[in-house]
Amino acid sequence: MKIFKKTSLIIISTTLILTSTVFAKSFRDTRGHWAESSIDFITDKGIMSGYNDNTFKPNDNMTRVEFYAAVNNLIGYDKTYTVTFSDVSTSDWYYGDVAKGIKAGYIVPTTGKLNPEREITREEVAEILGYVYSLQQRVSATNEFGDRGKIAESARGYVGALVEAGILRGYSDGNFYPTRSIRRSEVATLFRSMISNYNYPQKKAINNSKIKFGSRDLYE
C-alpha cells in the first residue's frame, strides 16, 4: 500500500510538471522565417500576439497603436490619463493603450489627430524605446548616416543610443531612413534585443500636473 501511494505521487507530480510547461506559440506563417525564434520568444512573453487565424503576419508593417500596445505589455503600464486626441474614441480597442502611453510619457497629448492606425516609423520606435528605457542619448552616433539631418531632433539621441548598442543599424547605402515603416518581425527582434541588453524597463508615471500638451499637428 505504501509503495502504491509513493508511485501515485510520482505520477501525479510528473503530470503536473508536464501540464504546467509553457510552450511558445507556433504560427503557420513564421516557420522558417528569419525572425521565427524572436517571434516565439516575444509572443511567449505575452508582449506581442498573433491573429485568430493562427498567423503572426511577420512581414506586415506595424501601426502606432499596435506598437503602443506592445510597449505597454512589455512594461506592464496600468495607469492612464484622459485621451484628448480628436480621432481616438473610448470605443476604440486601443483607447486604453493610448491613455497608458500618455501617462507614461512616451505619447504627448494634443487636441489634434494621433493618426493611430498610421504605420509607425523607425525613428518613432527608437524614441519611444529610448525614453521608456531611460537610455543615455548619443547624438554623435548618428553621424555615420548620410541622412542624419532627416532624423527628428527629439529622436536623434535615442537613435544614436540604439545604433551604438548594436540594436539598430542603417542600410547598406549609408542611410538610416528614419521615416520608413517597421515590420512586425523587426519589432519582435528589436524587443528581444532590448530585453537581452537592458532587461525590462521600470514603470514610469508622470504626475498629471506635469503632463504637457503638444501642438495639434504633432502626429501628422
N, C-alpha and C. Protein backbone atom coordinates (compact mmCIF):
# COMPACT_ATOMS: atom_id res chain seq x y z
N MET A 1 0.83 -1.20 0.00
CA MET A 1 0.00 0.00 0.00
C MET A 1 0.87 1.26 0.00
N LYS A 2 1.93 1.25 0.78
CA LYS A 2 2.83 2.40 0.83
C LYS A 2 3.53 2.62 -0.50
N ILE A 3 3.94 1.52 -1.16
CA ILE A 3 4.59 1.62 -2.47
C ILE A 3 3.63 2.22 -3.49
N PHE A 4 2.37 1.82 -3.45
CA PHE A 4 1.36 2.32 -4.39
C PHE A 4 1.16 3.83 -4.23
N LYS A 5 1.10 4.27 -2.97
CA LYS A 5 0.91 5.70 -2.72
C LYS A 5 2.10 6.50 -3.22
N LYS A 6 3.30 5.98 -2.99
CA LYS A 6 4.51 6.68 -3.42
C LYS A 6 4.57 6.79 -4.93
N THR A 7 4.22 5.67 -5.60
CA THR A 7 4.22 5.65 -7.06
C THR A 7 3.19 6.63 -7.62
N SER A 8 2.03 6.69 -6.97
CA SER A 8 0.96 7.58 -7.41
C SER A 8 1.39 9.03 -7.31
N LEU A 9 2.09 9.36 -6.21
CA LEU A 9 2.56 10.72 -6.03
C LEU A 9 3.56 11.12 -7.11
N ILE A 10 4.43 10.17 -7.47
CA ILE A 10 5.41 10.43 -8.52
C ILE A 10 4.72 10.71 -9.84
N ILE A 11 3.69 9.88 -10.15
CA ILE A 11 2.96 10.05 -11.41
C ILE A 11 2.24 11.39 -11.44
N ILE A 12 1.59 11.72 -10.30
CA ILE A 12 0.85 12.99 -10.23
C ILE A 12 1.80 14.16 -10.37
N SER A 13 2.96 14.09 -9.71
CA SER A 13 3.94 15.17 -9.76
C SER A 13 4.46 15.36 -11.17
N THR A 14 4.74 14.24 -11.84
CA THR A 14 5.24 14.30 -13.22
C THR A 14 4.20 14.92 -14.14
N THR A 15 2.93 14.54 -13.94
CA THR A 15 1.85 15.08 -14.75
C THR A 15 1.73 16.58 -14.57
N LEU A 16 1.84 17.04 -13.31
CA LEU A 16 1.74 18.47 -13.04
C LEU A 16 2.86 19.24 -13.71
N ILE A 17 4.07 18.68 -13.71
CA ILE A 17 5.21 19.33 -14.35
C ILE A 17 4.99 19.46 -15.84
N LEU A 18 4.48 18.38 -16.45
CA LEU A 18 4.27 18.38 -17.90
C LEU A 18 3.17 19.35 -18.30
N THR A 19 2.07 19.35 -17.52
CA THR A 19 0.94 20.20 -17.89
C THR A 19 1.19 21.66 -17.58
N SER A 20 2.16 21.95 -16.70
CA SER A 20 2.42 23.35 -16.36
C SER A 20 3.48 23.98 -17.26
N THR A 21 4.12 23.16 -18.13
CA THR A 21 5.12 23.68 -19.03
C THR A 21 4.48 24.57 -20.07
N VAL A 22 5.05 25.75 -20.32
CA VAL A 22 4.50 26.69 -21.30
C VAL A 22 5.35 26.65 -22.56
N PHE A 23 4.71 26.38 -23.66
CA PHE A 23 5.41 26.31 -24.94
C PHE A 23 5.13 27.57 -25.75
N ALA A 24 6.13 28.01 -26.50
CA ALA A 24 5.96 29.20 -27.33
C ALA A 24 4.92 28.95 -28.40
N LYS A 25 4.13 29.95 -28.69
CA LYS A 25 3.10 29.86 -29.71
C LYS A 25 3.75 29.67 -31.08
N SER A 26 3.25 28.71 -31.84
CA SER A 26 3.79 28.45 -33.17
C SER A 26 2.77 28.91 -34.21
N PHE A 27 3.18 29.82 -35.09
CA PHE A 27 2.28 30.35 -36.10
C PHE A 27 2.57 29.70 -37.45
N ARG A 28 1.54 29.54 -38.24
CA ARG A 28 1.70 28.84 -39.51
C ARG A 28 2.44 29.66 -40.56
N ASP A 29 2.61 30.95 -40.32
CA ASP A 29 3.33 31.77 -41.29
C ASP A 29 4.70 32.24 -40.79
N THR A 30 5.21 31.64 -39.70
CA THR A 30 6.52 32.04 -39.21
C THR A 30 7.55 30.92 -39.25
N ARG A 31 7.13 29.73 -39.63
CA ARG A 31 8.07 28.60 -39.68
C ARG A 31 9.11 28.84 -40.76
N GLY A 32 10.36 28.85 -40.36
CA GLY A 32 11.44 29.09 -41.30
C GLY A 32 11.71 30.56 -41.55
N HIS A 33 10.92 31.43 -40.95
CA HIS A 33 11.14 32.87 -41.11
C HIS A 33 12.40 33.27 -40.36
N TRP A 34 13.13 34.26 -40.85
CA TRP A 34 14.38 34.66 -40.22
C TRP A 34 14.19 35.13 -38.77
N ALA A 35 12.98 35.61 -38.44
CA ALA A 35 12.72 36.10 -37.09
C ALA A 35 11.89 35.13 -36.25
N GLU A 36 11.81 33.89 -36.68
CA GLU A 36 10.95 32.91 -36.00
C GLU A 36 11.23 32.81 -34.50
N SER A 37 12.49 32.68 -34.13
CA SER A 37 12.82 32.49 -32.72
C SER A 37 12.46 33.73 -31.89
N SER A 38 12.65 34.92 -32.46
CA SER A 38 12.30 36.15 -31.75
C SER A 38 10.79 36.28 -31.61
N ILE A 39 10.07 35.91 -32.64
CA ILE A 39 8.61 35.95 -32.60
C ILE A 39 8.09 34.99 -31.54
N ASP A 40 8.64 33.78 -31.51
CA ASP A 40 8.24 32.80 -30.49
C ASP A 40 8.54 33.34 -29.09
N PHE A 41 9.70 33.94 -28.93
CA PHE A 41 10.10 34.48 -27.63
C PHE A 41 9.16 35.58 -27.16
N ILE A 42 8.88 36.53 -28.05
CA ILE A 42 8.08 37.69 -27.68
C ILE A 42 6.61 37.32 -27.45
N THR A 43 6.07 36.43 -28.26
CA THR A 43 4.67 36.03 -28.08
C THR A 43 4.52 35.14 -26.85
N ASP A 44 5.55 34.35 -26.55
CA ASP A 44 5.53 33.52 -25.35
C ASP A 44 5.51 34.40 -24.10
N LYS A 45 6.14 35.57 -24.17
CA LYS A 45 6.16 36.51 -23.04
C LYS A 45 4.89 37.35 -22.97
N GLY A 46 4.04 37.24 -23.99
CA GLY A 46 2.80 38.00 -23.99
C GLY A 46 2.96 39.45 -24.38
N ILE A 47 4.10 39.79 -24.99
CA ILE A 47 4.36 41.17 -25.38
C ILE A 47 3.68 41.50 -26.71
N MET A 48 3.73 40.55 -27.64
CA MET A 48 3.01 40.66 -28.89
C MET A 48 2.15 39.42 -29.05
N SER A 49 1.19 39.48 -29.94
CA SER A 49 0.32 38.33 -30.16
C SER A 49 0.03 38.17 -31.65
N GLY A 50 -0.53 37.02 -31.97
CA GLY A 50 -0.87 36.74 -33.35
C GLY A 50 -2.34 37.03 -33.63
N TYR A 51 -2.85 36.43 -34.69
CA TYR A 51 -4.22 36.66 -35.11
C TYR A 51 -5.05 35.39 -34.96
N ASN A 52 -6.36 35.55 -35.07
CA ASN A 52 -7.27 34.41 -34.85
C ASN A 52 -7.08 33.27 -35.83
N ASP A 53 -6.49 33.56 -36.98
CA ASP A 53 -6.28 32.50 -37.98
C ASP A 53 -4.93 31.81 -37.82
N ASN A 54 -4.33 31.95 -36.62
CA ASN A 54 -3.05 31.32 -36.30
C ASN A 54 -1.90 31.85 -37.16
N THR A 55 -1.97 33.13 -37.51
CA THR A 55 -0.88 33.77 -38.23
C THR A 55 -0.32 34.90 -37.37
N PHE A 56 0.91 35.29 -37.67
CA PHE A 56 1.54 36.41 -36.99
C PHE A 56 1.70 37.59 -37.93
N LYS A 57 1.69 37.30 -39.23
CA LYS A 57 1.89 38.32 -40.27
C LYS A 57 3.21 39.07 -40.04
N PRO A 58 4.31 38.35 -40.05
CA PRO A 58 5.61 38.94 -39.72
C PRO A 58 6.08 40.03 -40.67
N ASN A 59 5.61 39.99 -41.90
CA ASN A 59 6.07 40.97 -42.88
C ASN A 59 5.15 42.18 -43.01
N ASP A 60 4.10 42.22 -42.21
CA ASP A 60 3.21 43.39 -42.21
C ASP A 60 3.87 44.52 -41.41
N ASN A 61 3.65 45.74 -41.86
CA ASN A 61 4.15 46.89 -41.11
C ASN A 61 3.29 47.10 -39.87
N MET A 62 3.90 47.64 -38.82
CA MET A 62 3.21 47.82 -37.55
C MET A 62 2.64 49.23 -37.45
N THR A 63 1.46 49.35 -36.88
CA THR A 63 0.85 50.67 -36.69
C THR A 63 1.30 51.26 -35.36
N ARG A 64 1.03 52.53 -35.21
CA ARG A 64 1.38 53.20 -33.96
C ARG A 64 0.73 52.52 -32.75
N VAL A 65 -0.57 52.30 -32.84
CA VAL A 65 -1.26 51.76 -31.67
C VAL A 65 -0.87 50.31 -31.40
N GLU A 66 -0.53 49.55 -32.41
CA GLU A 66 -0.04 48.19 -32.18
C GLU A 66 1.28 48.23 -31.41
N PHE A 67 2.11 49.21 -31.75
CA PHE A 67 3.38 49.34 -31.06
C PHE A 67 3.16 49.82 -29.62
N TYR A 68 2.26 50.77 -29.44
CA TYR A 68 1.95 51.23 -28.08
C TYR A 68 1.49 50.06 -27.21
N ALA A 69 0.64 49.22 -27.76
CA ALA A 69 0.12 48.08 -27.00
C ALA A 69 1.26 47.14 -26.60
N ALA A 70 2.20 46.92 -27.52
CA ALA A 70 3.34 46.04 -27.23
C ALA A 70 4.23 46.64 -26.14
N VAL A 71 4.46 47.94 -26.20
CA VAL A 71 5.27 48.62 -25.18
C VAL A 71 4.60 48.50 -23.82
N ASN A 72 3.29 48.70 -23.79
CA ASN A 72 2.56 48.58 -22.53
C ASN A 72 2.62 47.17 -21.97
N ASN A 73 2.57 46.18 -22.85
CA ASN A 73 2.70 44.78 -22.41
C ASN A 73 4.10 44.50 -21.89
N LEU A 74 5.08 45.06 -22.56
CA LEU A 74 6.48 44.87 -22.17
C LEU A 74 6.72 45.34 -20.74
N ILE A 75 6.17 46.49 -20.39
CA ILE A 75 6.48 47.12 -19.11
C ILE A 75 5.38 46.92 -18.07
N GLY A 76 4.18 46.64 -18.53
CA GLY A 76 3.08 46.45 -17.59
C GLY A 76 2.47 47.74 -17.10
N TYR A 77 2.45 48.75 -17.98
CA TYR A 77 1.83 50.02 -17.60
C TYR A 77 0.35 49.79 -17.29
N ASP A 78 -0.12 50.43 -16.24
CA ASP A 78 -1.53 50.28 -15.88
C ASP A 78 -2.22 51.60 -15.52
N LYS A 79 -1.45 52.67 -15.35
CA LYS A 79 -2.05 53.96 -15.04
C LYS A 79 -2.38 54.71 -16.33
N THR A 80 -3.45 55.48 -16.31
CA THR A 80 -3.93 56.14 -17.53
C THR A 80 -4.16 57.64 -17.33
N TYR A 81 -4.29 58.32 -18.47
CA TYR A 81 -4.60 59.76 -18.49
C TYR A 81 -5.67 59.96 -19.56
N THR A 82 -6.55 60.88 -19.36
CA THR A 82 -7.64 61.12 -20.31
C THR A 82 -7.10 61.42 -21.70
N VAL A 83 -7.66 60.77 -22.70
CA VAL A 83 -7.22 60.94 -24.09
C VAL A 83 -7.99 62.09 -24.73
N THR A 84 -7.25 63.03 -25.31
CA THR A 84 -7.88 64.20 -25.93
C THR A 84 -7.74 64.24 -27.45
N PHE A 85 -7.11 63.23 -28.04
CA PHE A 85 -6.94 63.20 -29.49
C PHE A 85 -8.32 63.14 -30.16
N SER A 86 -8.49 63.91 -31.21
CA SER A 86 -9.79 64.00 -31.87
C SER A 86 -10.18 62.73 -32.62
N ASP A 87 -9.21 61.87 -32.92
CA ASP A 87 -9.52 60.65 -33.68
C ASP A 87 -9.35 59.38 -32.84
N VAL A 88 -9.38 59.51 -31.52
CA VAL A 88 -9.33 58.34 -30.63
C VAL A 88 -10.57 58.38 -29.74
N SER A 89 -11.40 57.36 -29.88
CA SER A 89 -12.66 57.30 -29.13
C SER A 89 -12.58 56.24 -28.04
N THR A 90 -13.40 56.42 -27.01
CA THR A 90 -13.44 55.44 -25.91
C THR A 90 -13.86 54.06 -26.39
N SER A 91 -14.49 53.98 -27.55
CA SER A 91 -14.93 52.69 -28.08
C SER A 91 -13.83 51.97 -28.87
N ASP A 92 -12.74 52.65 -29.14
CA ASP A 92 -11.63 52.04 -29.89
C ASP A 92 -10.88 51.05 -29.00
N TRP A 93 -10.45 49.94 -29.57
CA TRP A 93 -9.77 48.91 -28.78
C TRP A 93 -8.48 49.44 -28.17
N TYR A 94 -7.90 50.44 -28.79
CA TYR A 94 -6.60 50.95 -28.35
C TYR A 94 -6.70 52.17 -27.44
N TYR A 95 -7.92 52.58 -27.08
CA TYR A 95 -8.07 53.77 -26.23
C TYR A 95 -7.25 53.62 -24.94
N GLY A 96 -7.35 52.49 -24.29
CA GLY A 96 -6.63 52.25 -23.04
C GLY A 96 -5.12 52.30 -23.22
N ASP A 97 -4.63 51.78 -24.35
CA ASP A 97 -3.19 51.79 -24.60
C ASP A 97 -2.68 53.20 -24.84
N VAL A 98 -3.47 54.02 -25.53
CA VAL A 98 -3.09 55.42 -25.74
C VAL A 98 -3.08 56.15 -24.40
N ALA A 99 -4.09 55.89 -23.59
CA ALA A 99 -4.19 56.53 -22.27
C ALA A 99 -2.99 56.17 -21.39
N LYS A 100 -2.55 54.92 -21.48
CA LYS A 100 -1.38 54.49 -20.71
C LYS A 100 -0.10 55.14 -21.23
N GLY A 101 -0.01 55.28 -22.54
CA GLY A 101 1.17 55.89 -23.15
C GLY A 101 1.33 57.35 -22.76
N ILE A 102 0.21 58.04 -22.66
CA ILE A 102 0.26 59.45 -22.25
C ILE A 102 0.72 59.56 -20.80
N LYS A 103 0.15 58.73 -19.94
CA LYS A 103 0.51 58.77 -18.52
C LYS A 103 1.97 58.38 -18.31
N ALA A 104 2.47 57.46 -19.13
CA ALA A 104 3.87 57.04 -19.01
C ALA A 104 4.82 58.09 -19.57
N GLY A 105 4.32 58.91 -20.49
CA GLY A 105 5.13 59.99 -21.02
C GLY A 105 5.71 59.78 -22.40
N TYR A 106 5.46 58.62 -23.01
CA TYR A 106 6.01 58.41 -24.34
C TYR A 106 5.06 58.84 -25.46
N ILE A 107 3.85 59.22 -25.09
CA ILE A 107 2.92 59.84 -26.03
C ILE A 107 2.63 61.25 -25.50
N VAL A 108 2.77 62.24 -26.35
CA VAL A 108 2.48 63.62 -25.97
C VAL A 108 1.03 63.92 -26.33
N PRO A 109 0.20 64.30 -25.38
CA PRO A 109 -1.21 64.56 -25.69
C PRO A 109 -1.38 65.84 -26.51
N THR A 110 -2.34 65.84 -27.39
CA THR A 110 -2.71 67.04 -28.15
C THR A 110 -4.23 67.02 -28.33
N THR A 111 -4.76 68.09 -28.88
CA THR A 111 -6.19 68.12 -29.20
C THR A 111 -6.39 67.89 -30.70
N GLY A 112 -5.31 67.55 -31.38
CA GLY A 112 -5.38 67.24 -32.81
C GLY A 112 -5.50 65.74 -33.03
N LYS A 113 -5.06 65.29 -34.19
CA LYS A 113 -5.15 63.87 -34.53
C LYS A 113 -3.89 63.12 -34.12
N LEU A 114 -4.10 61.89 -33.67
CA LEU A 114 -2.98 60.99 -33.39
C LEU A 114 -2.64 60.16 -34.62
N ASN A 115 -3.64 59.96 -35.51
CA ASN A 115 -3.48 59.05 -36.64
C ASN A 115 -3.01 57.68 -36.12
N PRO A 116 -3.82 57.07 -35.26
CA PRO A 116 -3.41 55.85 -34.57
C PRO A 116 -3.12 54.65 -35.47
N GLU A 117 -3.79 54.58 -36.61
CA GLU A 117 -3.60 53.44 -37.50
C GLU A 117 -2.48 53.67 -38.51
N ARG A 118 -1.82 54.82 -38.42
CA ARG A 118 -0.70 55.09 -39.32
C ARG A 118 0.47 54.19 -38.94
N GLU A 119 1.23 53.75 -39.94
CA GLU A 119 2.38 52.88 -39.65
C GLU A 119 3.44 53.64 -38.87
N ILE A 120 3.96 53.01 -37.85
CA ILE A 120 4.96 53.66 -37.02
C ILE A 120 6.31 53.64 -37.73
N THR A 121 7.10 54.65 -37.51
CA THR A 121 8.38 54.78 -38.21
C THR A 121 9.55 54.32 -37.34
N ARG A 122 10.68 54.15 -37.98
CA ARG A 122 11.89 53.71 -37.29
C ARG A 122 12.31 54.72 -36.20
N GLU A 123 12.22 56.00 -36.51
CA GLU A 123 12.62 56.99 -35.52
C GLU A 123 11.63 57.07 -34.36
N GLU A 124 10.35 56.87 -34.64
CA GLU A 124 9.35 56.86 -33.57
C GLU A 124 9.60 55.70 -32.61
N VAL A 125 9.90 54.54 -33.17
CA VAL A 125 10.19 53.36 -32.36
C VAL A 125 11.41 53.59 -31.49
N ALA A 126 12.46 54.15 -32.08
CA ALA A 126 13.70 54.42 -31.33
C ALA A 126 13.45 55.41 -30.21
N GLU A 127 12.68 56.44 -30.50
CA GLU A 127 12.42 57.47 -29.48
C GLU A 127 11.64 56.91 -28.30
N ILE A 128 10.63 56.09 -28.60
CA ILE A 128 9.81 55.52 -27.52
C ILE A 128 10.63 54.55 -26.68
N LEU A 129 11.36 53.65 -27.33
CA LEU A 129 12.15 52.68 -26.58
C LEU A 129 13.25 53.37 -25.78
N GLY A 130 13.88 54.36 -26.38
CA GLY A 130 14.92 55.10 -25.66
C GLY A 130 14.36 55.79 -24.43
N TYR A 131 13.17 56.32 -24.56
CA TYR A 131 12.53 57.01 -23.44
C TYR A 131 12.16 56.04 -22.32
N VAL A 132 11.44 54.96 -22.66
CA VAL A 132 10.97 54.06 -21.60
C VAL A 132 12.11 53.32 -20.92
N TYR A 133 13.22 53.15 -21.64
CA TYR A 133 14.40 52.50 -21.05
C TYR A 133 15.36 53.51 -20.41
N SER A 134 15.03 54.78 -20.49
CA SER A 134 15.87 55.85 -19.91
C SER A 134 17.31 55.75 -20.41
N LEU A 135 17.48 55.55 -21.71
CA LEU A 135 18.81 55.42 -22.28
C LEU A 135 19.50 56.79 -22.36
N GLN A 136 20.79 56.77 -22.22
CA GLN A 136 21.57 58.00 -22.39
C GLN A 136 21.67 58.30 -23.88
N GLN A 137 21.28 59.49 -24.28
CA GLN A 137 21.24 59.82 -25.69
C GLN A 137 22.65 59.96 -26.28
N ARG A 138 22.81 59.48 -27.52
CA ARG A 138 24.10 59.51 -28.20
C ARG A 138 23.93 60.11 -29.60
N VAL A 139 23.77 61.40 -29.66
CA VAL A 139 23.54 62.07 -30.93
C VAL A 139 24.70 61.83 -31.90
N SER A 140 25.93 61.84 -31.42
CA SER A 140 27.10 61.69 -32.28
C SER A 140 27.14 60.35 -33.00
N ALA A 141 26.45 59.35 -32.46
CA ALA A 141 26.46 58.03 -33.08
C ALA A 141 25.67 58.00 -34.38
N THR A 142 24.91 59.06 -34.66
CA THR A 142 24.15 59.11 -35.92
C THR A 142 24.95 59.79 -37.03
N ASN A 143 26.14 60.26 -36.71
CA ASN A 143 26.95 60.98 -37.71
C ASN A 143 27.33 60.09 -38.89
N GLU A 144 27.29 58.79 -38.71
CA GLU A 144 27.66 57.87 -39.78
C GLU A 144 26.63 57.81 -40.90
N PHE A 145 25.44 58.33 -40.65
CA PHE A 145 24.36 58.24 -41.63
C PHE A 145 24.31 59.47 -42.53
N GLY A 146 24.18 59.23 -43.82
CA GLY A 146 24.11 60.32 -44.77
C GLY A 146 22.86 61.16 -44.60
N ASP A 147 21.79 60.56 -44.07
CA ASP A 147 20.53 61.29 -43.89
C ASP A 147 20.29 61.65 -42.43
N ARG A 148 21.37 61.79 -41.67
CA ARG A 148 21.22 62.10 -40.23
C ARG A 148 20.42 63.38 -40.00
N GLY A 149 20.51 64.32 -40.94
CA GLY A 149 19.78 65.57 -40.79
C GLY A 149 18.27 65.41 -40.90
N LYS A 150 17.83 64.26 -41.40
CA LYS A 150 16.39 64.00 -41.55
C LYS A 150 15.79 63.33 -40.32
N ILE A 151 16.66 62.94 -39.38
CA ILE A 151 16.16 62.31 -38.15
C ILE A 151 15.61 63.41 -37.24
N ALA A 152 14.40 63.24 -36.73
CA ALA A 152 13.78 64.23 -35.86
C ALA A 152 14.69 64.52 -34.67
N GLU A 153 14.76 65.78 -34.30
CA GLU A 153 15.65 66.18 -33.20
C GLU A 153 15.32 65.44 -31.91
N SER A 154 14.04 65.21 -31.66
CA SER A 154 13.64 64.54 -30.42
C SER A 154 14.03 63.07 -30.40
N ALA A 155 14.27 62.50 -31.59
CA ALA A 155 14.59 61.07 -31.67
C ALA A 155 16.07 60.79 -31.90
N ARG A 156 16.82 61.79 -32.35
CA ARG A 156 18.20 61.57 -32.81
C ARG A 156 19.09 60.94 -31.74
N GLY A 157 19.02 61.43 -30.52
CA GLY A 157 19.86 60.89 -29.46
C GLY A 157 19.55 59.45 -29.13
N TYR A 158 18.27 59.09 -29.20
CA TYR A 158 17.87 57.72 -28.91
C TYR A 158 18.21 56.79 -30.07
N VAL A 159 18.08 57.29 -31.29
CA VAL A 159 18.53 56.51 -32.45
C VAL A 159 20.01 56.19 -32.28
N GLY A 160 20.79 57.21 -31.92
CA GLY A 160 22.22 57.02 -31.72
C GLY A 160 22.53 56.03 -30.62
N ALA A 161 21.75 56.06 -29.54
CA ALA A 161 21.97 55.13 -28.42
C ALA A 161 21.76 53.69 -28.86
N LEU A 162 20.72 53.45 -29.65
CA LEU A 162 20.43 52.09 -30.10
C LEU A 162 21.40 51.64 -31.18
N VAL A 163 21.87 52.57 -31.99
CA VAL A 163 22.87 52.25 -33.00
C VAL A 163 24.19 51.89 -32.32
N GLU A 164 24.58 52.68 -31.35
CA GLU A 164 25.82 52.44 -30.62
C GLU A 164 25.79 51.10 -29.89
N ALA A 165 24.61 50.70 -29.44
CA ALA A 165 24.46 49.42 -28.74
C ALA A 165 24.35 48.24 -29.70
N GLY A 166 24.28 48.53 -31.00
CA GLY A 166 24.19 47.46 -31.99
C GLY A 166 22.80 46.89 -32.14
N ILE A 167 21.80 47.58 -31.60
CA ILE A 167 20.42 47.10 -31.66
C ILE A 167 19.71 47.58 -32.92
N LEU A 168 20.00 48.81 -33.33
CA LEU A 168 19.51 49.34 -34.60
C LEU A 168 20.70 49.58 -35.52
N ARG A 169 20.45 49.51 -36.81
CA ARG A 169 21.53 49.81 -37.77
C ARG A 169 20.94 50.46 -39.01
N GLY A 170 21.82 51.01 -39.79
CA GLY A 170 21.39 51.65 -41.02
C GLY A 170 21.37 50.67 -42.18
N TYR A 171 21.30 51.22 -43.38
CA TYR A 171 21.23 50.40 -44.59
C TYR A 171 22.58 50.43 -45.32
N SER A 172 22.70 49.57 -46.29
CA SER A 172 23.98 49.41 -46.99
C SER A 172 24.39 50.67 -47.75
N ASP A 173 23.46 51.55 -48.03
CA ASP A 173 23.79 52.78 -48.76
C ASP A 173 24.24 53.90 -47.82
N GLY A 174 24.35 53.59 -46.52
CA GLY A 174 24.84 54.57 -45.56
C GLY A 174 23.78 55.45 -44.94
N ASN A 175 22.51 55.17 -45.22
CA ASN A 175 21.42 55.97 -44.66
C ASN A 175 20.68 55.20 -43.57
N PHE A 176 19.97 55.94 -42.73
CA PHE A 176 19.18 55.32 -41.66
C PHE A 176 17.71 55.20 -42.04
N TYR A 177 17.21 56.07 -42.88
CA TYR A 177 15.81 56.12 -43.28
C TYR A 177 14.88 56.16 -42.07
N PRO A 178 14.91 57.27 -41.34
CA PRO A 178 14.15 57.38 -40.10
C PRO A 178 12.64 57.30 -40.24
N THR A 179 12.11 57.69 -41.40
CA THR A 179 10.66 57.70 -41.56
C THR A 179 10.11 56.45 -42.24
N ARG A 180 10.95 55.46 -42.44
CA ARG A 180 10.46 54.20 -43.00
C ARG A 180 9.65 53.44 -41.97
N SER A 181 8.68 52.68 -42.46
CA SER A 181 7.87 51.85 -41.58
C SER A 181 8.71 50.68 -41.08
N ILE A 182 8.22 50.01 -40.04
CA ILE A 182 8.94 48.89 -39.47
C ILE A 182 8.01 47.68 -39.39
N ARG A 183 8.53 46.53 -39.74
CA ARG A 183 7.70 45.32 -39.80
C ARG A 183 7.53 44.68 -38.42
N ARG A 184 6.48 43.88 -38.31
CA ARG A 184 6.19 43.19 -37.05
C ARG A 184 7.34 42.26 -36.66
N SER A 185 7.94 41.61 -37.62
CA SER A 185 9.07 40.73 -37.32
C SER A 185 10.26 41.51 -36.81
N GLU A 186 10.46 42.71 -37.37
CA GLU A 186 11.56 43.56 -36.93
C GLU A 186 11.34 44.05 -35.50
N VAL A 187 10.08 44.37 -35.19
CA VAL A 187 9.75 44.82 -33.84
C VAL A 187 9.97 43.70 -32.84
N ALA A 188 9.56 42.48 -33.19
CA ALA A 188 9.76 41.33 -32.30
C ALA A 188 11.24 41.14 -32.01
N THR A 189 12.07 41.25 -33.04
CA THR A 189 13.52 41.11 -32.88
C THR A 189 14.08 42.25 -32.04
N LEU A 190 13.56 43.44 -32.25
CA LEU A 190 14.01 44.62 -31.51
C LEU A 190 13.70 44.48 -30.02
N PHE A 191 12.49 44.05 -29.70
CA PHE A 191 12.12 43.85 -28.30
C PHE A 191 13.00 42.79 -27.64
N ARG A 192 13.24 41.72 -28.35
CA ARG A 192 14.08 40.67 -27.78
C ARG A 192 15.49 41.20 -27.50
N SER A 193 16.01 42.00 -28.41
CA SER A 193 17.35 42.58 -28.22
C SER A 193 17.37 43.54 -27.03
N MET A 194 16.32 44.32 -26.88
CA MET A 194 16.25 45.26 -25.76
C MET A 194 16.23 44.51 -24.43
N ILE A 195 15.46 43.44 -24.36
CA ILE A 195 15.40 42.64 -23.13
C ILE A 195 16.74 41.99 -22.85
N SER A 196 17.38 41.50 -23.91
CA SER A 196 18.69 40.85 -23.76
C SER A 196 19.75 41.82 -23.28
N ASN A 197 19.71 43.05 -23.80
CA ASN A 197 20.73 44.05 -23.46
C ASN A 197 20.43 44.82 -22.19
N TYR A 198 19.15 45.11 -21.96
CA TYR A 198 18.79 46.01 -20.86
C TYR A 198 17.78 45.43 -19.87
N ASN A 199 17.39 44.15 -20.06
CA ASN A 199 16.36 43.55 -19.24
C ASN A 199 15.04 44.29 -19.47
N TYR A 200 14.19 44.38 -18.45
CA TYR A 200 12.91 45.05 -18.59
C TYR A 200 12.98 46.44 -17.95
N PRO A 201 12.42 47.45 -18.59
CA PRO A 201 12.47 48.80 -18.01
C PRO A 201 11.51 48.94 -16.83
N GLN A 202 11.79 49.89 -15.98
CA GLN A 202 10.91 50.16 -14.85
C GLN A 202 9.73 51.01 -15.31
N LYS A 203 8.62 50.87 -14.60
CA LYS A 203 7.43 51.64 -14.94
C LYS A 203 7.67 53.13 -14.69
N LYS A 204 7.03 53.94 -15.53
CA LYS A 204 7.06 55.39 -15.34
C LYS A 204 5.62 55.89 -15.29
N ALA A 205 5.41 56.90 -14.50
CA ALA A 205 4.09 57.54 -14.45
C ALA A 205 4.31 59.01 -14.14
N ILE A 206 3.87 59.88 -15.04
CA ILE A 206 4.05 61.32 -14.86
C ILE A 206 2.89 61.89 -14.05
N ASN A 207 3.18 62.77 -13.13
CA ASN A 207 2.12 63.47 -12.40
C ASN A 207 1.27 64.24 -13.40
N ASN A 208 -0.03 64.18 -13.22
CA ASN A 208 -0.94 64.85 -14.16
C ASN A 208 -0.59 66.32 -14.38
N SER A 209 -0.15 66.98 -13.33
CA SER A 209 0.17 68.40 -13.43
C SER A 209 1.40 68.67 -14.30
N LYS A 210 2.19 67.63 -14.53
CA LYS A 210 3.42 67.79 -15.32
C LYS A 210 3.27 67.31 -16.76
N ILE A 211 2.10 66.82 -17.11
CA ILE A 211 1.86 66.38 -18.48
C ILE A 211 1.59 67.61 -19.35
N LYS A 212 2.45 67.82 -20.33
CA LYS A 212 2.36 68.98 -21.20
C LYS A 212 1.76 68.61 -22.56
N PHE A 213 0.91 69.46 -23.08
CA PHE A 213 0.28 69.22 -24.38
C PHE A 213 1.18 69.72 -25.51
N GLY A 214 1.14 69.00 -26.62
CA GLY A 214 1.90 69.38 -27.79
C GLY A 214 1.03 70.07 -28.81
N SER A 215 1.64 70.46 -29.93
CA SER A 215 0.89 71.14 -30.99
C SER A 215 -0.09 70.17 -31.65
N ARG A 216 -1.14 70.72 -32.20
CA ARG A 216 -2.21 69.90 -32.79
C ARG A 216 -1.71 69.00 -33.92
N ASP A 217 -0.69 69.44 -34.63
CA ASP A 217 -0.20 68.68 -35.79
C ASP A 217 1.00 67.80 -35.46
N LEU A 218 1.24 67.54 -34.19
CA LEU A 218 2.42 66.79 -33.76
C LEU A 218 2.52 65.42 -34.40
N TYR A 219 1.39 64.74 -34.58
CA TYR A 219 1.41 63.37 -35.11
C TYR A 219 0.91 63.28 -36.54
N GLU A 220 0.95 64.39 -37.24
CA GLU A 220 0.51 64.39 -38.65
C GLU A 220 1.59 63.76 -39.53
